[in-house]
């Protein structure tokens, strides 16, 4: 049975800034794997065991995405305003329709273009940090992974990609003190950040209508024979999803994975001497960091999970960051191991909502790992890290490093 006596509040961001949420998840997996987390607005269930999270990802009939994937994700709306319009907030059959359209944005040709751009930007950023003897990995290197992806997918300049990243980070970090926008109310702050992203894409849509190309915006605006044209709101929501989804998570998987590498020099040396560890290392970066810590679902019909009754209409959070440290699934789960295999993580979700941009994310992380193993010496910590105030995105705002020959 479940318990509310664990004294854990997964909606309290303080632990995600100054504490260790993995300690809370480990306690929940042991004491209350199906946990009711009360909030002033009501509350939500939290699933923390691997098998339960995997089940909920795959059972889209019982666990609906249309209510929104983030707690409190819509301002002054009970349901998410993107419901049925954005890939991640849609259920079958609408989800299948949108996924077919979005697949063209993630074509093999586009992935190759992204790969080239990412390799170029990673090389430049690593060369720079090695030449200077150090810097802030989060802003000087990791940010270049999503920036390069956006440059290639949207056909925009580097400065535009960085501007869009700033907008998405403001939206994700709307509860963080550095992203207040001068607005006290958190819900209004979130809505304003979303509007700023839409304004960016509205300008880009106007340019692509006048001069279409082979970028993501043009692809979404251009229906294939037999398809209906997407309305502008649907295009906007899915472009925002593209900008936030894989791009945000790739950046912070890079920072979190690097921290693990720096804490274990032996792992860094293994990477340098064994090229095969790039492939398995990508998966371990994703499992270890689990940057998007949870997704929200809504129960559509009563269901019992581990003897706990979940009612129709209940909000349920699937904590992928906890599932990816479940000892029943991963031997020695709290050990970072670049050679871990098998590594059946849910860092890219599972089932119909398996991350459509997973291949691009893996491409970007591969470029980073190759770049790190090719350079002499390694990076070591040069100060304390700074984490984002968010329970959704496990993000590092600052990771100071220096280069050492040791």
Protein backbone atom coordinates (compact mmCIF):
# COMPACT_ATOMS: atom_id res chain seq x y z
CA UNK A 1 0.00 0.00 0.00
CA UNK A 2 1.01 3.62 -0.41
CA UNK A 3 1.91 6.17 2.24
CA UNK A 4 1.82 9.92 2.66
CA UNK A 5 3.84 9.70 5.87
CA UNK A 6 7.19 9.60 4.12
CA UNK A 7 7.39 13.38 4.50
CA UNK A 8 8.62 13.78 0.93
CA UNK A 9 7.45 16.59 -1.34
CA UNK A 10 8.60 16.05 -4.91
CA UNK A 11 7.13 19.42 -5.87
CA UNK A 12 9.50 21.25 -3.51
CA UNK A 13 12.36 22.46 -5.69
CA UNK A 14 14.80 23.10 -2.84
CA UNK A 15 16.00 19.50 -2.80
CA UNK A 16 16.68 19.76 -6.52
CA UNK A 17 18.91 22.81 -5.93
CA UNK A 18 20.77 22.06 -2.70
CA UNK A 19 20.02 18.41 -1.88
CA UNK A 20 20.04 14.99 -3.49
CA UNK A 21 16.69 13.96 -4.98
CA UNK A 22 18.09 10.48 -5.59
CA UNK A 23 17.99 9.90 -1.83
CA UNK A 24 14.27 10.74 -1.83
CA UNK A 25 13.57 8.46 -4.80
CA UNK A 26 15.51 5.59 -3.21
CA UNK A 27 13.39 5.96 -0.08
CA UNK A 28 10.18 6.00 -2.09
CA UNK A 29 11.18 2.94 -4.13
CA UNK A 30 11.67 1.10 -0.84
CA UNK A 31 8.85 2.48 1.33
CA UNK A 32 6.14 3.85 -0.99
CA UNK A 33 6.73 3.08 -4.68
CA UNK A 34 3.21 4.34 -5.43
CA UNK A 35 3.21 7.57 -3.46
CA UNK A 36 0.55 10.26 -3.03
CA UNK A 37 2.23 13.67 -3.05
CA UNK A 38 -0.16 16.33 -1.74
CA UNK A 39 0.02 19.91 -3.06
CA UNK A 40 -2.00 23.05 -2.30
CA UNK A 41 -3.88 22.45 -5.57
CA UNK A 42 -4.64 18.81 -4.76
CA UNK A 43 -1.81 16.40 -5.41
CA UNK A 44 -0.40 13.73 -7.68
CA UNK A 45 0.72 10.12 -7.58
CA UNK A 46 4.40 9.36 -8.03
CA UNK A 47 5.61 6.11 -9.61
CA UNK A 48 9.30 5.50 -8.87
CA UNK A 49 9.97 1.82 -9.73
CA UNK A 50 11.26 0.90 -13.18
CA UNK A 51 8.57 -1.67 -13.97
CA UNK A 52 5.74 0.70 -12.99
CA UNK A 53 7.14 3.61 -14.98
CA UNK A 54 7.65 1.37 -18.03
CA UNK A 55 4.10 0.03 -17.72
CA UNK A 56 2.61 3.53 -17.55
CA UNK A 57 4.64 4.73 -20.54
CA UNK A 58 3.31 1.87 -22.64
CA UNK A 59 -0.33 1.87 -21.46
CA UNK A 60 -1.45 5.04 -23.22
CA UNK A 61 -5.12 4.06 -22.93
CA UNK A 62 -5.00 4.22 -19.13
CA UNK A 63 -2.33 6.90 -18.71
CA UNK A 64 -3.18 9.83 -20.97
CA UNK A 65 -0.74 12.51 -22.08
CA UNK A 66 -3.37 15.03 -23.12
CA UNK A 67 -3.68 16.67 -19.69
CA UNK A 68 -0.06 17.86 -20.01
CA UNK A 69 3.33 16.36 -19.28
CA UNK A 70 4.45 18.87 -16.60
CA UNK A 71 2.84 19.64 -13.26
CA UNK A 72 1.22 23.08 -13.49
CA UNK A 73 2.19 23.36 -17.15
CA UNK A 74 -0.71 25.61 -18.18
CA UNK A 75 -1.61 28.98 -16.71
CA UNK A 76 -5.28 29.34 -15.70
CA UNK A 77 -6.23 26.16 -17.56
CA UNK A 78 -7.14 22.82 -16.01
CA UNK A 79 -5.91 20.98 -19.10
CA UNK A 80 -2.78 21.80 -21.04
CA UNK A 81 -3.43 24.32 -23.83
CA UNK A 82 -1.31 22.15 -26.13
CA UNK A 83 -3.58 19.13 -25.58
CA UNK A 84 -3.95 17.17 -28.82
CA UNK A 85 -1.80 19.65 -30.70
CA UNK A 86 1.72 18.83 -29.53
CA UNK A 87 3.28 15.40 -30.00
CA UNK A 88 4.03 14.88 -26.31
CA UNK A 89 0.54 15.99 -25.20
CA UNK A 90 -1.47 13.81 -27.54
CA UNK A 91 -2.88 10.29 -27.43
CA UNK A 92 -3.65 7.86 -30.27
CA UNK A 93 -4.89 8.27 -32.93
CA UNK A 94 -3.89 11.97 -32.98
CA UNK A 95 -0.46 11.07 -31.66
CA UNK A 96 0.19 8.75 -34.60
CA UNK A 97 -0.80 11.47 -37.05
CA UNK A 98 1.49 14.04 -35.49
CA UNK A 99 4.33 11.56 -35.16
CA UNK A 100 4.20 10.85 -38.90
CA UNK A 101 4.55 14.57 -39.59
CA UNK A 102 7.36 15.01 -37.07
CA UNK A 103 9.27 12.00 -38.41
CA UNK A 104 10.14 14.06 -41.50
CA UNK A 105 11.82 16.60 -39.23
CA UNK A 106 14.03 13.78 -37.93
CA UNK A 107 14.91 12.21 -41.28
CA UNK A 108 18.25 10.52 -41.91
CA UNK A 109 19.31 13.52 -43.99
CA UNK A 110 18.47 15.92 -41.16
CA UNK A 111 20.28 13.76 -38.59
CA UNK A 112 23.41 13.79 -40.75
CA UNK A 113 23.19 17.57 -41.09
CA UNK A 114 22.80 17.93 -37.33
CA UNK A 115 25.72 15.57 -36.77
CA UNK A 116 28.05 17.65 -38.96
CA UNK A 117 27.07 20.90 -37.27
CA UNK A 118 27.36 19.44 -33.77
CA UNK A 119 30.81 18.00 -34.48
CA UNK A 120 31.98 21.39 -35.75
CA UNK A 121 30.61 23.34 -32.78
CA UNK A 122 31.87 20.81 -30.22
CA UNK A 123 35.37 20.89 -31.73
CA UNK A 124 35.46 24.69 -31.64
CA UNK A 125 34.20 24.89 -28.05
CA UNK A 126 36.54 22.18 -26.74
CA UNK A 127 39.52 23.70 -28.54
CA UNK A 128 38.68 27.03 -26.91
CA UNK A 129 38.34 25.65 -23.39
CA UNK A 130 41.58 23.69 -23.76
CA UNK A 131 43.37 26.79 -25.08
CA UNK A 132 42.14 28.89 -22.14
CA UNK A 133 42.94 26.16 -19.64
CA UNK A 134 39.36 25.97 -18.44
CA UNK A 135 35.99 27.68 -18.34
CA UNK A 136 32.37 26.92 -17.60
CA UNK A 137 31.51 23.65 -19.27
CA UNK A 138 27.75 24.20 -18.98
CA UNK A 139 27.78 27.44 -20.97
CA UNK A 140 30.99 27.12 -23.02
CA UNK A 141 30.61 23.53 -24.25
CA UNK A 142 27.37 21.77 -23.29
CA UNK A 143 25.21 24.60 -24.58
CA UNK A 144 26.81 24.21 -28.00
CA UNK A 145 25.21 20.77 -28.44
CA UNK A 146 21.63 22.06 -28.59
CA UNK A 147 22.72 25.28 -30.29
CA UNK A 148 24.22 23.27 -33.13
CA UNK A 149 21.11 21.12 -33.34
CA UNK A 150 18.86 24.16 -33.62
CA UNK A 151 21.14 25.76 -36.22
CA UNK A 152 20.83 22.69 -38.42
CA UNK A 153 17.16 21.89 -37.85
CA UNK A 154 15.85 25.45 -38.13
CA UNK A 155 18.48 26.82 -40.54
CA UNK A 156 19.25 29.76 -38.26
CA UNK A 157 22.42 31.58 -37.24
CA UNK A 158 24.37 30.68 -34.12
CA UNK A 159 23.22 33.86 -32.39
CA UNK A 160 19.56 33.02 -33.12
CA UNK A 161 20.03 29.49 -31.77
CA UNK A 162 21.54 30.86 -28.55
CA UNK A 163 18.67 33.32 -28.21
CA UNK A 164 16.11 30.56 -28.59
CA UNK A 165 17.97 28.47 -26.00
CA UNK A 166 17.79 31.39 -23.59
CA UNK A 167 14.04 31.57 -24.15
CA UNK A 168 13.51 27.85 -23.59
CA UNK A 169 15.70 27.85 -20.50
CA UNK A 170 13.65 30.73 -19.11
CA UNK A 171 10.49 28.70 -19.66
CA UNK A 172 11.89 25.51 -18.11
CA UNK A 173 13.38 27.47 -15.22
CA UNK A 174 10.40 29.70 -14.52
CA UNK A 175 10.70 28.83 -10.81
CA UNK A 176 14.39 29.79 -10.74
CA UNK A 177 15.51 33.14 -9.34
CA UNK A 178 17.50 33.96 -12.50
CA UNK A 179 14.46 33.58 -14.77
CA UNK A 180 11.80 35.68 -13.07
CA UNK A 181 11.28 38.11 -15.99
CA UNK A 182 10.40 40.64 -13.30
CA UNK A 183 7.11 38.76 -12.72
CA UNK A 184 6.20 37.57 -9.24
CA UNK A 185 3.44 35.07 -10.12
CA UNK A 186 5.01 31.81 -11.32
CA UNK A 187 2.10 30.87 -13.58
CA UNK A 188 2.15 34.22 -15.36
CA UNK A 189 5.92 33.99 -15.63
CA UNK A 190 5.57 30.60 -17.37
CA UNK A 191 2.91 31.92 -19.74
CA UNK A 192 5.09 34.93 -20.63
CA UNK A 193 8.09 32.70 -21.35
CA UNK A 194 5.94 30.51 -23.62
CA UNK A 195 4.67 33.59 -25.45
CA UNK A 196 8.25 34.75 -26.07
CA UNK A 197 9.07 31.40 -27.67
CA UNK A 198 5.97 31.61 -29.85
CA UNK A 199 6.97 35.11 -30.98
CA UNK A 200 10.36 33.75 -32.06
CA UNK A 201 8.74 31.02 -34.10
CA UNK A 202 6.02 33.27 -35.55
CA UNK A 203 8.76 35.41 -37.08
CA UNK A 204 10.46 32.30 -38.44
CA UNK A 205 7.19 30.93 -39.82
CA UNK A 206 6.59 34.17 -41.70
CA UNK A 207 10.07 33.95 -43.24
CA UNK A 208 9.61 30.32 -44.27
CA UNK A 209 6.20 30.98 -45.81
CA UNK A 210 7.87 33.58 -47.98
CA UNK A 211 10.98 31.53 -48.67
CA UNK A 212 10.52 27.82 -47.86
CA UNK A 213 13.45 25.45 -47.51
CA UNK A 214 14.23 22.02 -46.07
CA UNK A 215 14.33 23.08 -42.43
CA UNK A 216 11.97 21.90 -39.68
CA UNK A 217 9.65 24.91 -40.00
CA UNK A 218 9.23 24.49 -43.74
CA UNK A 219 8.67 20.74 -43.36
CA UNK A 220 5.87 21.24 -40.82
CA UNK A 221 4.24 23.93 -42.94
CA UNK A 222 4.32 21.77 -46.09
CA UNK A 223 1.84 18.85 -46.17
CA UNK A 224 2.57 15.77 -48.22
CA UNK A 225 0.00 14.67 -50.85
CA UNK A 226 -3.14 13.48 -49.07
CA UNK A 227 -2.30 15.30 -45.83
CA UNK A 228 -4.09 18.27 -44.33
CA UNK A 229 -2.15 21.43 -43.59
CA UNK A 230 -1.39 21.85 -39.90
CA UNK A 231 -2.97 24.88 -38.26
CA UNK A 232 -0.55 27.52 -37.02
CA UNK A 233 -1.06 26.70 -33.32
CA UNK A 234 -0.14 23.07 -33.92
CA UNK A 235 2.99 24.11 -35.82
CA UNK A 236 3.95 26.47 -33.00
CA UNK A 237 3.46 23.91 -30.24
CA UNK A 238 5.52 21.27 -32.03
CA UNK A 239 8.31 23.69 -32.83
CA UNK A 240 8.42 24.61 -29.16
CA UNK A 241 8.51 20.90 -28.31
CA UNK A 242 11.41 20.44 -30.73
CA UNK A 243 13.34 23.33 -29.17
CA UNK A 244 12.81 22.19 -25.60
CA UNK A 245 12.72 18.40 -25.85
CA UNK A 246 15.91 16.85 -27.12
CA UNK A 247 17.88 20.08 -27.17
CA UNK A 248 17.41 20.87 -23.49
CA UNK A 249 17.97 17.30 -22.34
CA UNK A 250 21.09 16.76 -24.48
CA UNK A 251 22.74 19.86 -23.05
CA UNK A 252 22.23 18.86 -19.45
CA UNK A 253 23.03 15.19 -20.03
CA UNK A 254 26.40 16.46 -21.26
CA UNK A 255 27.03 18.49 -18.08
CA UNK A 256 25.80 15.78 -15.71
CA UNK A 257 27.76 13.08 -17.50
CA UNK A 258 30.91 15.16 -17.45
CA UNK A 259 30.58 15.62 -13.69
CA UNK A 260 30.43 11.85 -13.29
CA UNK A 261 33.50 11.46 -15.51
CA UNK A 262 35.45 14.03 -13.51
CA UNK A 263 34.61 12.25 -10.26
CA UNK A 264 36.06 9.00 -11.62
CA UNK A 265 39.32 9.51 -13.54
CA UNK A 266 39.45 5.76 -14.20
CA UNK A 267 36.33 6.08 -16.35
CA UNK A 268 37.95 8.90 -18.34
CA UNK A 269 41.02 6.77 -18.98
CA UNK A 270 38.86 3.84 -20.07
CA UNK A 271 37.13 6.15 -22.56
CA UNK A 272 40.47 7.34 -23.93
CA UNK A 273 41.76 3.81 -24.54
CA UNK A 274 38.58 2.10 -25.75
CA UNK A 275 36.64 3.69 -28.58
CA UNK A 276 33.78 1.20 -28.10
CA UNK A 277 32.91 2.96 -24.85
CA UNK A 278 31.58 5.91 -26.83
CA UNK A 279 28.53 3.85 -27.79
CA UNK A 280 27.83 2.38 -24.37
CA UNK A 281 28.88 5.64 -22.74
CA UNK A 282 26.11 7.55 -24.51
CA UNK A 283 23.52 5.30 -22.91
CA UNK A 284 25.13 5.63 -19.50
CA UNK A 285 25.17 9.43 -19.80
CA UNK A 286 21.43 9.31 -20.49
CA UNK A 287 20.64 6.80 -17.72
CA UNK A 288 22.82 8.51 -15.14
CA UNK A 289 21.58 12.04 -15.72
CA UNK A 290 17.93 11.32 -16.63
CA UNK A 291 17.69 15.04 -17.26
CA UNK A 292 13.92 15.17 -17.75
CA UNK A 293 13.24 13.75 -14.31
CA UNK A 294 9.54 12.98 -14.75
CA UNK A 295 6.54 13.22 -17.05
CA UNK A 296 2.93 13.64 -16.00
CA UNK A 297 0.01 11.47 -17.07
CA UNK A 298 -3.71 11.46 -16.21
CA UNK A 299 -5.60 8.27 -15.34
CA UNK A 300 -8.48 7.63 -17.73
CA UNK A 301 -9.98 4.62 -15.91
CA UNK A 302 -9.49 3.07 -12.46
CA UNK A 303 -6.37 0.95 -12.14
CA UNK A 304 -4.55 -0.80 -9.30
CA UNK A 305 -0.76 -0.46 -9.13
CA UNK A 306 1.00 -2.43 -6.38
CA UNK A 307 -2.28 -2.79 -4.48
CA UNK A 308 -2.93 0.96 -4.66
CA UNK A 309 -6.11 2.17 -6.36
CA UNK A 310 -5.68 5.06 -8.79
CA UNK A 311 -8.94 6.76 -9.74
CA UNK A 312 -10.08 8.18 -13.06
CA UNK A 313 -8.86 11.76 -13.35
CA UNK A 314 -5.91 11.35 -10.98
CA UNK A 315 -2.61 12.97 -11.93
CA UNK A 316 0.33 10.53 -12.06
CA UNK A 317 4.01 11.39 -12.40
CA UNK A 318 6.42 8.85 -13.90
CA UNK A 319 9.84 9.51 -12.36
CA UNK A 320 12.29 8.33 -15.01
CA UNK A 321 15.23 9.60 -12.95
CA UNK A 322 14.21 7.21 -10.18
CA UNK A 323 13.41 4.31 -12.51
CA UNK A 324 16.89 4.59 -14.02
CA UNK A 325 18.46 4.02 -10.59
CA UNK A 326 16.23 1.07 -9.63
CA UNK A 327 18.41 -1.75 -8.31
CA UNK A 328 15.87 -4.33 -9.47
CA UNK A 329 16.65 -3.29 -13.05
CA UNK A 330 20.27 -2.10 -12.91
CA UNK A 331 23.05 -3.92 -11.01
CA UNK A 332 24.93 -1.46 -8.81
CA UNK A 333 22.65 1.36 -10.05
CA UNK A 334 24.48 4.20 -8.27
CA UNK A 335 27.75 3.42 -10.04
CA UNK A 336 28.54 5.39 -13.20
CA UNK A 337 29.86 2.84 -15.70
CA UNK A 338 30.65 3.82 -19.30
CA UNK A 339 30.71 0.15 -20.26
CA UNK A 340 27.38 -0.76 -18.68
CA UNK A 341 25.55 -3.38 -20.70
CA UNK A 342 22.75 -4.18 -20.93
CA UNK A 343 21.45 -0.70 -20.22
CA UNK A 344 17.69 -0.78 -20.76
CA UNK A 345 16.99 2.69 -19.40
CA UNK A 346 13.91 4.84 -19.91
CA UNK A 347 15.83 8.07 -20.38
CA UNK A 348 14.15 8.42 -23.77
CA UNK A 349 10.79 7.17 -22.40
CA UNK A 350 9.23 4.05 -23.97
CA UNK A 351 6.27 2.88 -26.00
CA UNK A 352 4.40 5.24 -28.36
CA UNK A 353 6.01 8.25 -26.66
CA UNK A 354 9.59 7.04 -27.09
CA UNK A 355 11.57 10.22 -27.78
CA UNK A 356 11.39 10.96 -31.48
CA UNK A 357 14.66 12.89 -31.27
CA UNK A 358 16.63 10.14 -29.53
CA UNK A 359 18.88 9.54 -32.55
CA UNK A 360 19.83 13.22 -32.64
CA UNK A 361 20.51 13.24 -28.92
CA UNK A 362 22.78 10.24 -29.26
CA UNK A 363 24.57 11.89 -32.19
CA UNK A 364 25.31 14.99 -30.14
CA UNK A 365 26.57 13.04 -27.12
CA UNK A 366 28.74 10.88 -29.39
CA UNK A 367 30.39 14.04 -30.76
CA UNK A 368 31.13 15.19 -27.22
CA UNK A 369 32.56 11.86 -26.04
CA UNK A 370 34.74 11.59 -29.15
CA UNK A 371 35.98 15.11 -28.59
CA UNK A 372 36.85 14.46 -24.95
CA UNK A 373 38.73 11.21 -25.62
CA UNK A 374 40.81 12.73 -28.44
CA UNK A 375 42.27 15.60 -26.39
CA UNK A 376 45.30 15.37 -24.12
CA UNK A 377 44.72 15.60 -20.40
CA UNK A 378 41.25 15.91 -18.99
CA UNK A 379 38.89 18.31 -17.26
CA UNK A 380 38.67 18.61 -13.47
CA UNK A 381 36.32 20.63 -11.25
CA UNK A 382 37.30 24.29 -10.70
CA UNK A 383 34.55 25.31 -8.30
CA UNK A 384 31.05 24.51 -7.18
CA UNK A 385 28.28 23.76 -9.62
CA UNK A 386 25.00 25.69 -9.75
CA UNK A 387 21.76 23.80 -10.38
CA UNK A 388 18.50 25.09 -11.80
CA UNK A 389 15.52 25.45 -9.47
CA UNK A 390 13.33 22.88 -11.17
CA UNK A 391 12.00 19.43 -10.31
CA UNK A 392 11.34 18.73 -13.99
CA UNK A 393 14.67 19.45 -15.68
CA UNK A 394 17.79 18.33 -13.78
CA UNK A 395 19.81 21.17 -15.19
CA UNK A 396 23.20 22.67 -14.37
CA UNK A 397 23.51 26.41 -14.88
CA UNK A 398 27.24 26.41 -14.16
CA UNK A 399 29.96 23.73 -14.16
CA UNK A 400 33.39 25.40 -13.70
CA UNK A 401 36.28 23.27 -15.00
CA UNK A 402 39.98 23.49 -15.68
CA UNK A 403 42.24 21.44 -17.92
CA UNK A 404 44.86 19.21 -16.31
CA UNK A 405 47.53 17.04 -17.90
CA UNK A 406 47.27 14.46 -15.10
